[in-house]
C-alpha atoms as a PDB file:
ATOM      1  CA  MET A   1     160.033 150.791 104.733  1.00  0.00           C
ATOM      2  CA  ALA A   2     157.756 148.539 102.773  1.00  0.00           C
ATOM      3  CA  ASP A   3     155.001 149.478 100.324  1.00  0.00           C
ATOM      4  CA  ALA A   4     151.341 148.510 100.631  1.00  0.00           C
ATOM      5  CA  VAL A   5     151.677 145.611  98.438  1.00  0.00           C
ATOM      6  CA  ALA A   6     154.420 144.114 100.712  1.00  0.00           C
ATOM      7  CA  ALA A   7     151.855 143.935 103.563  1.00  0.00           C
ATOM      8  CA  VAL A   8     149.275 142.202 101.214  1.00  0.00           C
ATOM      9  CA  LEU A   9     151.989 139.630 100.230  1.00  0.00           C
ATOM     10  CA  GLU A  10     152.833 138.999 103.884  1.00  0.00           C
ATOM     11  CA  GLN A  11     149.282 138.366 104.717  1.00  0.00           C
ATOM     12  CA  TRP A  12     148.935 135.926 101.787  1.00  0.00           C
ATOM     13  CA  ARG A  13     152.098 134.119 102.847  1.00  0.00           C
ATOM     14  CA  ARG A  14     150.596 133.738 106.306  1.00  0.00           C
ATOM     15  CA  GLU A  15     147.149 132.635 105.217  1.00  0.00           C
ATOM     16  CA  ARG A  16     147.950 130.607 102.104  1.00  0.00           C
ATOM     17  CA  PRO A  17     151.596 129.582 102.193  1.00  0.00           C
ATOM     18  CA  ASP A  18     150.742 126.935  99.608  1.00  0.00           C
ATOM     19  CA  ILE A  19     150.302 129.606  96.884  1.00  0.00           C
ATOM     20  CA  ASP A  20     153.152 131.401  95.260  1.00  0.00           C
ATOM     21  CA  SER A  21     152.099 135.046  95.707  1.00  0.00           C
ATOM     22  CA  GLN A  22     154.966 136.556  93.757  1.00  0.00           C
ATOM     23  CA  PRO A  23     152.726 137.468  90.751  1.00  0.00           C
ATOM     24  CA  ILE A  24     150.613 139.636  93.152  1.00  0.00           C
ATOM     25  CA  GLY A  25     153.740 141.549  94.015  1.00  0.00           C
ATOM     26  CA  VAL A  26     154.287 142.481  90.394  1.00  0.00           C
ATOM     27  CA  VAL A  27     150.794 142.964  89.063  1.00  0.00           C
ATOM     28  CA  GLY A  28     149.499 144.661  92.353  1.00  0.00           C
ATOM     29  CA  ARG A  29     152.311 147.217  92.213  1.00  0.00           C
ATOM     30  CA  ILE A  30     151.841 147.873  88.428  1.00  0.00           C
ATOM     31  CA  MET A  31     148.093 148.345  89.030  1.00  0.00           C
ATOM     32  CA  ARG A  32     148.663 150.658  92.050  1.00  0.00           C
ATOM     33  CA  ILE A  33     151.265 152.785  90.295  1.00  0.00           C
ATOM     34  CA  SER A  34     149.070 153.050  87.199  1.00  0.00           C
ATOM     35  CA  ARG A  35     146.170 154.456  89.187  1.00  0.00           C
ATOM     36  CA  MET A  36     148.536 156.892  90.982  1.00  0.00           C
ATOM     37  CA  TRP A  37     150.055 158.002  87.717  1.00  0.00           C
ATOM     38  CA  ASP A  38     146.675 158.210  85.901  1.00  0.00           C
ATOM     39  CA  LYS A  39     145.584 160.676  88.484  1.00  0.00           C
ATOM     40  CA  GLU A  40     148.860 162.654  88.507  1.00  0.00           C
ATOM     41  CA  ILE A  41     148.758 162.901  84.663  1.00  0.00           C
ATOM     42  CA  LYS A  42     145.094 163.834  84.509  1.00  0.00           C
ATOM     43  CA  ASP A  43     145.664 166.540  87.091  1.00  0.00           C
ATOM     44  CA  PHE A  44     148.746 167.865  85.190  1.00  0.00           C
ATOM     45  CA  LEU A  45     146.928 168.046  81.836  1.00  0.00           C
ATOM     46  CA  SER A  46     143.838 169.542  83.490  1.00  0.00           C
ATOM     47  CA  GLY A  47     146.020 172.440  84.595  1.00  0.00           C
ATOM     48  CA  HIS A  48     146.693 173.087  80.907  1.00  0.00           C
ATOM     49  CA  GLY A  49     143.111 172.876  79.819  1.00  0.00           C
ATOM     50  CA  LEU A  50     143.406 169.315  78.373  1.00  0.00           C
ATOM     51  CA  GLU A  51     141.976 165.928  79.035  1.00  0.00           C
ATOM     52  CA  PRO A  52     144.335 162.808  78.582  1.00  0.00           C
ATOM     53  CA  GLY A  53     142.361 161.681  75.461  1.00  0.00           C
ATOM     54  CA  GLU A  54     142.830 165.197  73.928  1.00  0.00           C
ATOM     55  CA  PHE A  55     146.552 165.197  74.715  1.00  0.00           C
ATOM     56  CA  ASP A  56     146.723 161.755  73.104  1.00  0.00           C
ATOM     57  CA  VAL A  57     145.146 163.093  69.943  1.00  0.00           C
ATOM     58  CA  LEU A  58     147.283 166.107  69.803  1.00  0.00           C
ATOM     59  CA  SER A  59     150.615 164.192  70.368  1.00  0.00           C
ATOM     60  CA  THR A  60     149.651 161.457  67.954  1.00  0.00           C
ATOM     61  CA  LEU A  61     148.954 164.068  65.217  1.00  0.00           C
ATOM     62  CA  ARG A  62     152.062 166.132  66.116  1.00  0.00           C
ATOM     63  CA  ARG A  63     154.451 162.983  65.897  1.00  0.00           C
ATOM     64  CA  SER A  64     152.808 162.100  62.534  1.00  0.00           C
ATOM     65  CA  GLY A  65     154.693 164.916  60.972  1.00  0.00           C
ATOM     66  CA  ALA A  66     153.573 167.644  58.757  1.00  0.00           C
ATOM     67  CA  PRO A  67     150.849 168.289  57.784  1.00  0.00           C
ATOM     68  CA  TYR A  68     149.958 166.850  61.201  1.00  0.00           C
ATOM     69  CA  GLU A  69     146.913 164.801  60.063  1.00  0.00           C
ATOM     70  CA  LEU A  70     145.662 161.256  60.079  1.00  0.00           C
ATOM     71  CA  THR A  71     142.520 159.525  58.870  1.00  0.00           C
ATOM     72  CA  ALA A  72     139.792 158.633  61.483  1.00  0.00           C
ATOM     73  CA  GLY A  73     140.564 154.990  60.672  1.00  0.00           C
ATOM     74  CA  ALA A  74     144.231 155.429  61.657  1.00  0.00           C
ATOM     75  CA  PHE A  75     143.032 156.948  64.950  1.00  0.00           C
ATOM     76  CA  LEU A  76     140.736 154.049  65.559  1.00  0.00           C
ATOM     77  CA  LYS A  77     143.500 151.592  65.108  1.00  0.00           C
ATOM     78  CA  ALA A  78     145.987 153.559  67.223  1.00  0.00           C
ATOM     79  CA  SER A  79     143.588 154.251  70.121  1.00  0.00           C
ATOM     80  CA  LEU A  80     141.428 151.026  70.163  1.00  0.00           C
ATOM     81  CA  VAL A  81     138.380 153.108  71.042  1.00  0.00           C
ATOM     82  CA  THR A  82     134.966 153.173  69.307  1.00  0.00           C
ATOM     83  CA  THR A  83     134.157 155.349  66.317  1.00  0.00           C
ATOM     84  CA  GLY A  84     131.679 157.191  68.591  1.00  0.00           C
ATOM     85  CA  ALA A  85     134.296 157.942  71.180  1.00  0.00           C
ATOM     86  CA  ILE A  86     136.722 159.353  68.544  1.00  0.00           C
ATOM     87  CA  THR A  87     133.850 161.339  66.989  1.00  0.00           C
ATOM     88  CA  LEU A  88     132.945 162.856  70.347  1.00  0.00           C
ATOM     89  CA  ARG A  89     136.572 163.664  71.253  1.00  0.00           C
ATOM     90  CA  VAL A  90     137.198 165.268  67.879  1.00  0.00           C
ATOM     91  CA  ASP A  91     134.000 167.260  68.166  1.00  0.00           C
ATOM     92  CA  ARG A  92     135.149 168.718  71.550  1.00  0.00           C
ATOM     93  CA  MET A  93     138.537 169.404  70.197  1.00  0.00           C
ATOM     94  CA  GLU A  94     137.187 171.185  67.162  1.00  0.00           C
ATOM     95  CA  GLU A  95     135.126 173.423  69.470  1.00  0.00           C
ATOM     96  CA  LYS A  96     138.286 174.266  71.249  1.00  0.00           C
ATOM     97  CA  GLY A  97     140.031 175.124  68.044  1.00  0.00           C
ATOM     98  CA  LEU A  98     142.580 172.305  68.481  1.00  0.00           C
ATOM     99  CA  VAL A  99     141.852 170.133  65.458  1.00  0.00           C
ATOM    100  CA  THR A 100     139.901 170.362  62.262  1.00  0.00           C
ATOM    101  CA  ARG A 101     138.308 167.807  59.894  1.00  0.00           C
ATOM    102  CA  VAL A 102     139.344 167.955  56.228  1.00  0.00           C
ATOM    103  CA  ARG A 103     138.179 165.842  53.261  1.00  0.00           C
ATOM    104  CA  ASP A 104     140.755 163.669  51.724  1.00  0.00           C
ATOM    105  CA  THR A 105     141.457 165.153  48.209  1.00  0.00           C
ATOM    106  CA  ALA A 106     142.145 161.684  46.778  1.00  0.00           C
ATOM    107  CA  ASP A 107     139.011 160.094  48.412  1.00  0.00           C
ATOM    108  CA  ARG A 108     136.148 162.515  49.319  1.00  0.00           C
ATOM    109  CA  ARG A 109     134.580 159.730  51.453  1.00  0.00           C
ATOM    110  CA  SER A 110     137.551 159.847  53.786  1.00  0.00           C
ATOM    111  CA  VAL A 111     138.016 162.488  56.472  1.00  0.00           C
ATOM    112  CA  LYS A 112     141.371 163.410  58.081  1.00  0.00           C
ATOM    113  CA  ILE A 113     141.787 164.928  61.435  1.00  0.00           C
ATOM    114  CA  ARG A 114     144.339 167.795  61.362  1.00  0.00           C
ATOM    115  CA  LEU A 115     146.092 169.914  63.994  1.00  0.00           C
ATOM    116  CA  THR A 116     145.195 173.538  63.757  1.00  0.00           C
ATOM    117  CA  ASP A 117     147.819 176.246  64.281  1.00  0.00           C
ATOM    118  CA  HIS A 118     146.392 176.636  67.790  1.00  0.00           C
ATOM    119  CA  GLY A 119     146.642 172.775  68.357  1.00  0.00           C
ATOM    120  CA  LEU A 120     150.149 172.859  67.167  1.00  0.00           C
ATOM    121  CA  GLU A 121     151.019 175.623  69.563  1.00  0.00           C
ATOM    122  CA  VAL A 122     149.311 173.844  72.536  1.00  0.00           C
ATOM    123  CA  ILE A 123     151.057 170.519  71.974  1.00  0.00           C
ATOM    124  CA  ASP A 124     154.479 172.143  71.448  1.00  0.00           C
ATOM    125  CA  ARG A 125     154.054 174.178  74.649  1.00  0.00           C
ATOM    126  CA  VAL A 126     152.674 171.316  76.874  1.00  0.00           C
ATOM    127  CA  LEU A 127     154.757 168.392  75.562  1.00  0.00           C
ATOM    128  CA  PRO A 128     158.087 169.369  77.083  1.00  0.00           C
ATOM    129  CA  LEU A 129     156.231 170.133  80.401  1.00  0.00           C
ATOM    130  CA  HIS A 130     154.436 166.740  80.222  1.00  0.00           C
ATOM    131  CA  VAL A 131     157.768 164.960  79.591  1.00  0.00           C
ATOM    132  CA  ALA A 132     159.251 166.761  82.621  1.00  0.00           C
ATOM    133  CA  ASN A 133     156.389 165.677  84.729  1.00  0.00           C
ATOM    134  CA  GLU A 134     156.777 162.075  83.760  1.00  0.00           C
ATOM    135  CA  ALA A 135     160.455 162.374  84.655  1.00  0.00           C
ATOM    136  CA  ARG A 136     159.359 163.673  88.002  1.00  0.00           C
ATOM    137  CA  LEU A 137     157.191 160.458  88.474  1.00  0.00           C
ATOM    138  CA  LEU A 138     160.237 158.376  87.841  1.00  0.00           C
ATOM    139  CA  GLU A 139     162.651 160.402  90.046  1.00  0.00           C
ATOM    140  CA  ALA A 140     163.088 157.631  92.536  1.00  0.00           C
ATOM    141  CA  LEU A 141     164.829 155.523  89.783  1.00  0.00           C
ATOM    142  CA  ASP A 142     168.176 156.182  88.259  1.00  0.00           C
ATOM    143  CA  ASP A 143     168.808 156.022  84.497  1.00  0.00           C
ATOM    144  CA  GLU A 144     169.862 152.391  84.633  1.00  0.00           C
ATOM    145  CA  ASP A 145     166.741 151.510  86.560  1.00  0.00           C
ATOM    146  CA  CYS A 146     164.568 153.280  84.126  1.00  0.00           C
ATOM    147  CA  GLN A 147     166.083 151.549  81.131  1.00  0.00           C
ATOM    148  CA  SER A 148     165.807 148.167  82.716  1.00  0.00           C
ATOM    149  CA  LEU A 149     162.170 148.769  83.748  1.00  0.00           C
ATOM    150  CA  ALA A 150     161.270 150.002  80.313  1.00  0.00           C
ATOM    151  CA  ALA A 151     162.844 146.961  78.701  1.00  0.00           C
ATOM    152  CA  THR A 152     161.050 144.596  81.094  1.00  0.00           C
ATOM    153  CA  LEU A 153     157.724 146.250  80.551  1.00  0.00           C
ATOM    154  CA  ALA A 154     158.232 146.241  76.729  1.00  0.00           C
ATOM    155  CA  THR A 155     158.839 142.518  76.972  1.00  0.00           C
ATOM    156  CA  LEU A 156     155.581 142.017  78.878  1.00  0.00           C
ATOM    157  CA  LEU A 157     153.590 144.282  76.403  1.00  0.00           C
ATOM    158  CA  GLU A 158     155.042 142.433  73.333  1.00  0.00           C
ATOM    159  CA  SER A 159     153.985 139.187  74.898  1.00  0.00           C
ATOM    160  CA  TYR A 160     150.455 140.363  74.691  1.00  0.00           C
ATOM    161  CA  GLY A 161     150.780 141.503  71.111  1.00  0.00           C
ATOM    162  CA  ASP A 162     151.190 145.224  71.843  1.00  0.00           C
ATOM    163  CA  THR A 163     153.193 146.175  68.711  1.00  0.00           C
ATOM    164  CA  PRO A 164     153.120 149.341  66.641  1.00  0.00           C
ATOM    165  CA  SER A 165     150.884 149.596  63.571  1.00  0.00           C
ATOM    166  CA  ASN A 166     153.210 149.793  60.548  1.00  0.00           C
ATOM    167  CA  GLY A 167     150.587 149.968  57.881  1.00  0.00           C
ATOM    168  CA  PRO A 168     149.987 152.865  55.561  1.00  0.00           C
ATOM    169  CA  GLU A 169     147.123 154.136  57.733  1.00  0.00           C
ATOM    170  CA  ALA A 170     149.565 154.560  60.625  1.00  0.00           C
ATOM    171  CA  ARG A 171     150.777 157.703  58.840  1.00  0.00           C
END
């Protein structure tokens, strides 16, 4: 049984045999699976009262280590969204009691975003369920396939300059 992209490739081979359509097979499949996974993850998180952006903020703060806080600037670099988008997201999360803003004691102009006790409880409860959900999304692959796919995708991401921020603001 072939996937939907295989049919597209066959049509291009028939209509334009002069073009190597192999890239469509890779990019098309990545784009289709991305859309499917975006919906699956959004639906999963919604069932826990979270939006994907909120989960991203909670998990970023949690993995930063105690006291589970980052400056707004560190969030901007990590998320590549606008200041306004971060501000609105944090405003909504403050209303839910998930995060709080605290002034930096060393620099009163700087504000840090910090997990609340409730936010810590939520991320620690939802994270294992989220990882299990992601494992479910990959259940068609064995461990070796997953490792190979992860390495291949990492190579592709690195080729686009997608590397971690290692500066002091990353903490």
